[in-house]
Amino acid sequence: MKITVNGTQTEIAATTLAAALEELGYGEARVATAVNESFVPAAARPGQALAHGDRLEILAPKQGG
């Protein structure tokens, strides 16, 4: 299905947020996620279904100053 990931159209096979993160290479990375502009906590990712056209934002913390 086609979704938008951080502003870029992306084709994925995953149907849940947790599976999408694995597919996109985030695996065990500590990231913040939002689907269609709604924050999704890490514990809710396995149950968060994705649909064609969804907008996914993935934010990774940065270090430094």
N, C-alpha and C. Protein backbone atom coordinates (compact mmCIF):
# COMPACT_ATOMS: atom_id res chain seq x y z
N MET A 1 0.84 -1.18 0.00
CA MET A 1 0.00 0.00 0.00
C MET A 1 0.88 1.23 0.00
N LYS A 2 0.34 2.33 -0.48
CA LYS A 2 1.09 3.59 -0.50
C LYS A 2 0.69 4.43 0.70
N ILE A 3 1.71 4.87 1.45
CA ILE A 3 1.51 5.81 2.54
C ILE A 3 2.56 6.90 2.38
N THR A 4 2.42 7.95 3.15
CA THR A 4 3.41 9.02 3.15
C THR A 4 4.20 8.91 4.44
N VAL A 5 5.52 8.79 4.32
CA VAL A 5 6.40 8.68 5.48
C VAL A 5 7.29 9.92 5.51
N ASN A 6 7.13 10.73 6.54
CA ASN A 6 7.91 11.96 6.68
C ASN A 6 7.88 12.79 5.40
N GLY A 7 6.70 12.88 4.78
CA GLY A 7 6.52 13.72 3.61
C GLY A 7 6.84 13.07 2.28
N THR A 8 7.27 11.80 2.29
CA THR A 8 7.65 11.11 1.06
C THR A 8 6.73 9.93 0.81
N GLN A 9 6.16 9.85 -0.40
CA GLN A 9 5.32 8.71 -0.76
C GLN A 9 6.16 7.44 -0.70
N THR A 10 5.65 6.41 -0.03
CA THR A 10 6.39 5.16 0.16
C THR A 10 5.44 3.99 -0.02
N GLU A 11 5.92 2.95 -0.66
CA GLU A 11 5.15 1.72 -0.85
C GLU A 11 5.61 0.72 0.20
N ILE A 12 4.68 0.20 1.02
CA ILE A 12 5.02 -0.78 2.04
C ILE A 12 4.05 -1.96 1.97
N ALA A 13 4.48 -3.08 2.52
CA ALA A 13 3.61 -4.26 2.61
C ALA A 13 2.96 -4.35 3.99
N ALA A 14 3.56 -3.71 4.99
CA ALA A 14 3.09 -3.79 6.36
C ALA A 14 1.68 -3.23 6.51
N THR A 15 0.92 -3.80 7.45
CA THR A 15 -0.45 -3.32 7.70
C THR A 15 -0.62 -2.73 9.09
N THR A 16 0.44 -2.80 9.92
CA THR A 16 0.41 -2.16 11.24
C THR A 16 1.60 -1.23 11.37
N LEU A 17 1.51 -0.31 12.30
CA LEU A 17 2.59 0.64 12.52
C LEU A 17 3.87 -0.08 12.96
N ALA A 18 3.76 -1.05 13.86
CA ALA A 18 4.95 -1.78 14.33
C ALA A 18 5.63 -2.49 13.16
N ALA A 19 4.86 -3.14 12.31
CA ALA A 19 5.43 -3.84 11.16
C ALA A 19 6.04 -2.86 10.16
N ALA A 20 5.42 -1.70 10.00
CA ALA A 20 5.96 -0.69 9.09
C ALA A 20 7.31 -0.18 9.58
N LEU A 21 7.44 0.04 10.88
CA LEU A 21 8.72 0.49 11.42
C LEU A 21 9.81 -0.54 11.16
N GLU A 22 9.49 -1.82 11.33
CA GLU A 22 10.45 -2.89 11.02
C GLU A 22 10.82 -2.84 9.54
N GLU A 23 9.82 -2.77 8.69
CA GLU A 23 10.04 -2.77 7.25
C GLU A 23 10.87 -1.57 6.79
N LEU A 24 10.68 -0.44 7.44
CA LEU A 24 11.38 0.78 7.07
C LEU A 24 12.77 0.89 7.69
N GLY A 25 13.16 -0.11 8.49
CA GLY A 25 14.50 -0.14 9.05
C GLY A 25 14.65 0.49 10.42
N TYR A 26 13.55 0.79 11.09
CA TYR A 26 13.65 1.41 12.41
C TYR A 26 13.73 0.37 13.53
N GLY A 27 13.27 -0.83 13.28
CA GLY A 27 13.40 -1.94 14.22
C GLY A 27 13.25 -1.55 15.68
N GLU A 28 14.32 -1.65 16.44
CA GLU A 28 14.32 -1.37 17.87
C GLU A 28 14.68 0.08 18.19
N ALA A 29 14.79 0.93 17.19
CA ALA A 29 15.17 2.33 17.41
C ALA A 29 14.13 3.04 18.28
N ARG A 30 14.61 3.92 19.12
CA ARG A 30 13.71 4.73 19.95
C ARG A 30 13.26 5.93 19.12
N VAL A 31 12.01 5.91 18.72
CA VAL A 31 11.46 6.97 17.88
C VAL A 31 10.07 7.35 18.40
N ALA A 32 9.64 8.54 18.03
CA ALA A 32 8.26 8.97 18.28
C ALA A 32 7.51 8.81 16.97
N THR A 33 6.24 8.41 17.06
CA THR A 33 5.46 8.19 15.85
C THR A 33 4.10 8.87 15.91
N ALA A 34 3.63 9.27 14.73
CA ALA A 34 2.29 9.82 14.59
C ALA A 34 1.70 9.31 13.30
N VAL A 35 0.43 8.95 13.33
CA VAL A 35 -0.29 8.53 12.14
C VAL A 35 -1.42 9.54 11.92
N ASN A 36 -1.43 10.14 10.74
CA ASN A 36 -2.43 11.16 10.41
C ASN A 36 -2.50 12.25 11.48
N GLU A 37 -1.30 12.66 11.92
CA GLU A 37 -1.11 13.76 12.87
C GLU A 37 -1.56 13.44 14.29
N SER A 38 -1.78 12.18 14.61
CA SER A 38 -2.13 11.76 15.97
C SER A 38 -0.99 10.92 16.54
N PHE A 39 -0.46 11.33 17.69
CA PHE A 39 0.63 10.62 18.34
C PHE A 39 0.22 9.18 18.64
N VAL A 40 1.12 8.24 18.39
CA VAL A 40 0.88 6.83 18.71
C VAL A 40 2.00 6.37 19.63
N PRO A 41 1.70 6.07 20.91
CA PRO A 41 2.74 5.61 21.83
C PRO A 41 3.28 4.24 21.42
N ALA A 42 4.48 3.94 21.84
CA ALA A 42 5.15 2.69 21.45
C ALA A 42 4.30 1.47 21.77
N ALA A 43 3.66 1.45 22.91
CA ALA A 43 2.86 0.28 23.32
C ALA A 43 1.66 0.04 22.40
N ALA A 44 1.20 1.08 21.71
CA ALA A 44 0.02 0.96 20.85
C ALA A 44 0.37 0.63 19.40
N ARG A 45 1.64 0.64 19.05
CA ARG A 45 2.04 0.44 17.65
C ARG A 45 1.62 -0.90 17.05
N PRO A 46 1.71 -2.02 17.79
CA PRO A 46 1.30 -3.29 17.18
C PRO A 46 -0.18 -3.32 16.80
N GLY A 47 -1.01 -2.58 17.50
CA GLY A 47 -2.44 -2.57 17.21
C GLY A 47 -2.89 -1.44 16.32
N GLN A 48 -1.95 -0.57 15.93
CA GLN A 48 -2.30 0.58 15.09
C GLN A 48 -2.31 0.17 13.63
N ALA A 49 -3.49 -0.02 13.06
CA ALA A 49 -3.61 -0.41 11.65
C ALA A 49 -3.25 0.77 10.75
N LEU A 50 -2.68 0.45 9.61
CA LEU A 50 -2.38 1.44 8.59
C LEU A 50 -3.26 1.17 7.37
N ALA A 51 -3.62 2.23 6.67
CA ALA A 51 -4.44 2.11 5.47
C ALA A 51 -3.81 2.93 4.35
N HIS A 52 -4.15 2.56 3.13
CA HIS A 52 -3.67 3.28 1.96
C HIS A 52 -3.93 4.78 2.14
N GLY A 53 -2.90 5.59 1.92
CA GLY A 53 -3.04 7.03 2.01
C GLY A 53 -2.72 7.63 3.37
N ASP A 54 -2.47 6.80 4.38
CA ASP A 54 -2.13 7.32 5.71
C ASP A 54 -0.84 8.13 5.65
N ARG A 55 -0.72 9.06 6.59
CA ARG A 55 0.48 9.87 6.74
C ARG A 55 1.18 9.46 8.03
N LEU A 56 2.41 8.98 7.90
CA LEU A 56 3.20 8.52 9.04
C LEU A 56 4.38 9.46 9.25
N GLU A 57 4.52 9.93 10.48
CA GLU A 57 5.68 10.75 10.85
C GLU A 57 6.50 9.95 11.84
N ILE A 58 7.81 9.87 11.60
CA ILE A 58 8.73 9.17 12.48
C ILE A 58 9.81 10.17 12.88
N LEU A 59 9.93 10.40 14.18
CA LEU A 59 10.90 11.37 14.69
C LEU A 59 11.88 10.67 15.60
N ALA A 60 13.17 10.83 15.30
CA ALA A 60 14.23 10.25 16.12
C ALA A 60 14.88 11.37 16.93
N PRO A 61 15.20 11.11 18.21
CA PRO A 61 15.86 12.13 19.01
C PRO A 61 17.26 12.39 18.50
N LYS A 62 17.72 13.62 18.66
CA LYS A 62 19.07 13.99 18.26
C LYS A 62 19.85 14.42 19.48
N GLN A 63 21.14 14.16 19.44
CA GLN A 63 22.01 14.59 20.53
C GLN A 63 22.89 15.74 20.03
N GLY A 64 23.39 16.47 20.97
CA GLY A 64 24.27 17.56 20.61
C GLY A 64 23.65 18.89 20.97
N GLY A 65 24.32 19.94 20.62
CA GLY A 65 23.78 21.22 21.02
C GLY A 65 24.24 22.31 20.22
